[in-house]
C-alpha cells in the first residue's frame, strides 16, 4: 500500500472513531484531529514501529 492508502485507513478506523468517542460525555477534554494523530505516532514510537 502507498502512504495515502495507509493514512486513509488510519483516519477511518482510528482517528474518526476516537474523535467521536471523545465527543460524547467528555466536556472537559478538548481533543482534535492533530491530537489523535500525535498520539498514534507517539505510541508507534514507543512500540518501536518505524514509519519509514
Protein backbone atom coordinates (compact mmCIF):
# COMPACT_ATOMS: atom_id res chain seq x y z
CA UNK A 1 0.00 0.00 0.00
CA UNK A 2 1.11 3.51 -0.58
CA UNK A 3 1.20 6.11 2.19
CA UNK A 4 -2.08 7.74 1.11
CA UNK A 5 -3.96 4.43 1.41
CA UNK A 6 -2.48 3.73 4.86
CA UNK A 7 -3.34 7.25 6.03
CA UNK A 8 -6.91 6.74 4.82
CA UNK A 9 -7.28 3.53 6.82
CA UNK A 10 -5.84 5.17 9.95
CA UNK A 11 -8.24 8.08 9.53
CA UNK A 12 -11.26 5.81 9.04
CA UNK A 13 -10.52 3.13 11.63
CA UNK A 14 -8.74 5.07 14.39
CA UNK A 15 -8.89 8.86 14.17
CA UNK A 16 -12.57 9.40 13.41
CA UNK A 17 -13.88 6.79 15.91
CA UNK A 18 -11.63 8.27 18.61
CA UNK A 19 -12.90 11.78 17.96
CA UNK A 20 -16.49 10.55 18.03
CA UNK A 21 -15.95 8.69 21.31
CA UNK A 22 -14.24 11.64 22.96
CA UNK A 23 -17.03 13.98 21.90
CA UNK A 24 -19.60 12.08 23.93
CA UNK A 25 -19.53 12.80 27.65
CA UNK A 26 -16.07 14.35 27.81
CA UNK A 27 -16.90 18.03 28.10
CA UNK A 28 -13.64 18.81 29.92
CA UNK A 29 -11.40 17.47 27.17
CA UNK A 30 -10.56 19.38 24.03
CA UNK A 31 -9.22 16.95 21.51
CA UNK A 32 -8.86 17.40 17.80
CA UNK A 33 -7.58 15.59 14.75
CA UNK A 34 -3.96 16.67 15.34
CA UNK A 35 -4.03 15.36 18.94
CA UNK A 36 -5.21 11.93 17.84
CA UNK A 37 -2.63 11.71 15.07
CA UNK A 38 0.06 12.78 17.52
CA UNK A 39 -0.99 10.07 19.96
CA UNK A 40 -0.74 7.45 17.23
CA UNK A 41 2.78 8.49 16.28
CA UNK A 42 3.87 8.73 19.93
CA UNK A 43 2.56 5.24 20.66
CA UNK A 44 4.13 3.87 17.49
CA UNK A 45 7.48 5.30 18.53
CA UNK A 46 7.16 3.77 22.00
CA UNK A 47 6.38 0.39 20.42
CA UNK A 48 9.43 0.70 18.15
CA UNK A 49 7.40 0.80 14.96
CA UNK A 50 9.23 2.77 12.30
CA UNK A 51 7.13 4.71 9.80
CA UNK A 52 9.77 4.86 7.06
